Amino acid sequence: MPQYTIKTRITLRRDSDYEGHGFGYGIELLLLGIDKNGSLNATAKEMGMAYSKAWRILRQAEAEFEIQLIEREGAHGSRLTDEGRLFLQRYQEMCQAAEQAARAVYEKYYD
């Protein structure tokens, strides 16, 4: 039997009626980049995204989840807030758990 690749994608939404984009892989990448680069602008450029779009995505997520993900430090860039870092960490742990569960189901039916 051929080997398949398992890929899970998790998007958190505050509730099903909210019109926001949720919190998913794209915001995870933005936050990881900000943590690495110390700058939303540098991260947006690295991702090939307009700064205004990156900022809009983060503001929408902050509004939807009523948390502050990043803190702007003026000319010194941006950094993750403690709350943002914890939210990101929990999201990543949830994604890892989902990946493990998906792998177990795969092994049950395809191995």
C-alpha atoms as a PDB file:
ATOM      1  CA  MET A   1       0.000   0.000   0.000  1.00  0.00           C
ATOM      2  CA  PRO A   2       1.374   3.492  -0.799  1.00  0.00           C
ATOM      3  CA  GLN A   3       2.567   5.722   2.017  1.00  0.00           C
ATOM      4  CA  TYR A   4       0.451   8.836   2.596  1.00  0.00           C
ATOM      5  CA  THR A   5       1.271  12.119   4.238  1.00  0.00           C
ATOM      6  CA  ILE A   6      -0.925  13.242   7.079  1.00  0.00           C
ATOM      7  CA  LYS A   7      -1.491  16.944   7.451  1.00  0.00           C
ATOM      8  CA  THR A   8      -3.811  18.401  10.056  1.00  0.00           C
ATOM      9  CA  ARG A   9      -4.902  22.029  10.171  1.00  0.00           C
ATOM     10  CA  ILE A  10      -6.526  23.488  13.239  1.00  0.00           C
ATOM     11  CA  THR A  11      -8.325  26.815  13.285  1.00  0.00           C
ATOM     12  CA  LEU A  12      -9.684  28.129  16.540  1.00  0.00           C
ATOM     13  CA  ARG A  13     -12.797  30.264  16.415  1.00  0.00           C
ATOM     14  CA  ARG A  14     -14.379  32.001  19.329  1.00  0.00           C
ATOM     15  CA  ASP A  15     -17.841  30.874  18.263  1.00  0.00           C
ATOM     16  CA  SER A  16     -19.435  29.736  15.048  1.00  0.00           C
ATOM     17  CA  ASP A  17     -21.321  32.995  14.500  1.00  0.00           C
ATOM     18  CA  TYR A  18     -18.254  35.247  14.662  1.00  0.00           C
ATOM     19  CA  GLU A  19     -17.171  36.631  11.312  1.00  0.00           C
ATOM     20  CA  GLY A  20     -13.455  36.680  12.154  1.00  0.00           C
ATOM     21  CA  HIS A  21     -10.758  34.563  10.581  1.00  0.00           C
ATOM     22  CA  GLY A  22      -9.950  32.651  13.728  1.00  0.00           C
ATOM     23  CA  PHE A  23      -6.503  31.643  14.911  1.00  0.00           C
ATOM     24  CA  GLY A  24      -4.678  29.205  12.701  1.00  0.00           C
ATOM     25  CA  TYR A  25      -1.469  28.350  10.917  1.00  0.00           C
ATOM     26  CA  GLY A  26      -0.993  31.782   9.337  1.00  0.00           C
ATOM     27  CA  ILE A  27      -1.181  33.653  12.621  1.00  0.00           C
ATOM     28  CA  GLU A  28       1.056  31.023  14.183  1.00  0.00           C
ATOM     29  CA  LEU A  29       3.676  31.813  11.509  1.00  0.00           C
ATOM     30  CA  LEU A  30       3.282  35.559  12.084  1.00  0.00           C
ATOM     31  CA  LEU A  31       3.783  35.201  15.826  1.00  0.00           C
ATOM     32  CA  LEU A  32       6.764  32.868  15.432  1.00  0.00           C
ATOM     33  CA  GLY A  33       8.318  35.345  13.012  1.00  0.00           C
ATOM     34  CA  ILE A  34       7.747  38.274  15.353  1.00  0.00           C
ATOM     35  CA  ASP A  35       9.312  36.265  18.166  1.00  0.00           C
ATOM     36  CA  LYS A  36      12.329  35.485  15.973  1.00  0.00           C
ATOM     37  CA  ASN A  37      12.705  38.862  14.247  1.00  0.00           C
ATOM     38  CA  GLY A  38      11.407  41.236  16.905  1.00  0.00           C
ATOM     39  CA  SER A  39       9.474  42.966  14.148  1.00  0.00           C
ATOM     40  CA  LEU A  40       6.088  42.585  12.493  1.00  0.00           C
ATOM     41  CA  ASN A  41       7.349  44.492   9.452  1.00  0.00           C
ATOM     42  CA  ALA A  42      10.367  42.203   8.963  1.00  0.00           C
ATOM     43  CA  THR A  43       8.179  39.139   9.462  1.00  0.00           C
ATOM     44  CA  ALA A  44       5.594  40.339   6.944  1.00  0.00           C
ATOM     45  CA  LYS A  45       8.338  40.944   4.380  1.00  0.00           C
ATOM     46  CA  GLU A  46       9.842  37.520   5.060  1.00  0.00           C
ATOM     47  CA  MET A  47       6.421  35.957   4.459  1.00  0.00           C
ATOM     48  CA  GLY A  48       5.807  37.986   1.294  1.00  0.00           C
ATOM     49  CA  MET A  49       2.877  39.769   2.924  1.00  0.00           C
ATOM     50  CA  ALA A  50       2.071  43.449   3.122  1.00  0.00           C
ATOM     51  CA  TYR A  51       2.634  44.929   6.568  1.00  0.00           C
ATOM     52  CA  SER A  52      -0.907  46.323   6.558  1.00  0.00           C
ATOM     53  CA  LYS A  53      -2.357  42.864   5.920  1.00  0.00           C
ATOM     54  CA  ALA A  54      -0.263  41.268   8.674  1.00  0.00           C
ATOM     55  CA  TRP A  55      -1.303  43.995  11.109  1.00  0.00           C
ATOM     56  CA  ARG A  56      -4.973  43.619  10.124  1.00  0.00           C
ATOM     57  CA  ILE A  57      -4.864  39.838  10.640  1.00  0.00           C
ATOM     58  CA  LEU A  58      -3.358  40.240  14.097  1.00  0.00           C
ATOM     59  CA  ARG A  59      -5.850  42.952  15.116  1.00  0.00           C
ATOM     60  CA  GLN A  60      -8.748  40.760  13.976  1.00  0.00           C
ATOM     61  CA  ALA A  61      -7.468  37.809  16.003  1.00  0.00           C
ATOM     62  CA  GLU A  62      -6.937  40.012  19.043  1.00  0.00           C
ATOM     63  CA  ALA A  63     -10.479  41.347  18.745  1.00  0.00           C
ATOM     64  CA  GLU A  64     -12.006  37.905  18.214  1.00  0.00           C
ATOM     65  CA  PHE A  65     -10.245  36.325  21.193  1.00  0.00           C
ATOM     66  CA  GLU A  66     -10.146  39.483  23.337  1.00  0.00           C
ATOM     67  CA  ILE A  67      -6.417  39.168  23.986  1.00  0.00           C
ATOM     68  CA  GLN A  68      -3.354  41.199  23.121  1.00  0.00           C
ATOM     69  CA  LEU A  69      -1.016  38.984  21.097  1.00  0.00           C
ATOM     70  CA  ILE A  70       1.778  41.464  20.429  1.00  0.00           C
ATOM     71  CA  GLU A  71       3.071  44.651  21.902  1.00  0.00           C
ATOM     72  CA  ARG A  72       4.434  47.338  19.619  1.00  0.00           C
ATOM     73  CA  GLU A  73       7.643  48.903  20.826  1.00  0.00           C
ATOM     74  CA  GLY A  74       7.679  51.807  18.364  1.00  0.00           C
ATOM     75  CA  ALA A  75      10.894  52.036  16.386  1.00  0.00           C
ATOM     76  CA  HIS A  76      12.221  49.051  18.335  1.00  0.00           C
ATOM     77  CA  GLY A  77       9.783  46.629  16.693  1.00  0.00           C
ATOM     78  CA  SER A  78       7.238  44.308  18.266  1.00  0.00           C
ATOM     79  CA  ARG A  79       7.245  41.455  20.719  1.00  0.00           C
ATOM     80  CA  LEU A  80       4.803  38.792  21.854  1.00  0.00           C
ATOM     81  CA  THR A  81       2.937  39.548  25.051  1.00  0.00           C
ATOM     82  CA  ASP A  82       2.990  36.921  27.787  1.00  0.00           C
ATOM     83  CA  GLU A  83      -0.665  36.246  26.983  1.00  0.00           C
ATOM     84  CA  GLY A  84       0.143  35.956  23.270  1.00  0.00           C
ATOM     85  CA  ARG A  85       3.034  33.593  23.932  1.00  0.00           C
ATOM     86  CA  LEU A  86       0.834  31.362  26.123  1.00  0.00           C
ATOM     87  CA  PHE A  87      -1.989  31.360  23.537  1.00  0.00           C
ATOM     88  CA  LEU A  88       0.510  30.385  20.817  1.00  0.00           C
ATOM     89  CA  GLN A  89       2.050  27.662  22.993  1.00  0.00           C
ATOM     90  CA  ARG A  90      -1.355  26.143  23.747  1.00  0.00           C
ATOM     91  CA  TYR A  91      -2.313  26.283  20.067  1.00  0.00           C
ATOM     92  CA  GLN A  92       0.911  24.487  19.092  1.00  0.00           C
ATOM     93  CA  GLU A  93       0.392  21.817  21.761  1.00  0.00           C
ATOM     94  CA  MET A  94      -3.175  21.277  20.538  1.00  0.00           C
ATOM     95  CA  CYS A  95      -1.933  20.920  16.953  1.00  0.00           C
ATOM     96  CA  GLN A  96       0.681  18.370  18.042  1.00  0.00           C
ATOM     97  CA  ALA A  97      -1.986  16.371  19.887  1.00  0.00           C
ATOM     98  CA  ALA A  98      -4.256  16.472  16.823  1.00  0.00           C
ATOM     99  CA  GLU A  99      -1.378  15.321  14.625  1.00  0.00           C
ATOM    100  CA  GLN A 100      -0.676  12.389  16.953  1.00  0.00           C
ATOM    101  CA  ALA A 101      -4.355  11.418  16.987  1.00  0.00           C
ATOM    102  CA  ALA A 102      -4.552  11.634  13.189  1.00  0.00           C
ATOM    103  CA  ARG A 103      -1.417   9.494  12.894  1.00  0.00           C
ATOM    104  CA  ALA A 104      -2.958   6.847  15.183  1.00  0.00           C
ATOM    105  CA  VAL A 105      -6.122   6.744  13.052  1.00  0.00           C
ATOM    106  CA  TYR A 106      -4.004   6.507   9.899  1.00  0.00           C
ATOM    107  CA  GLU A 107      -2.035   3.578  11.299  1.00  0.00           C
ATOM    108  CA  LYS A 108      -5.264   1.810  12.231  1.00  0.00           C
ATOM    109  CA  TYR A 109      -6.690   2.007   8.706  1.00  0.00           C
ATOM    110  CA  TYR A 110      -3.696   2.181   6.373  1.00  0.00           C
ATOM    111  CA  ASP A 111      -0.758   0.374   7.947  1.00  0.00           C
END
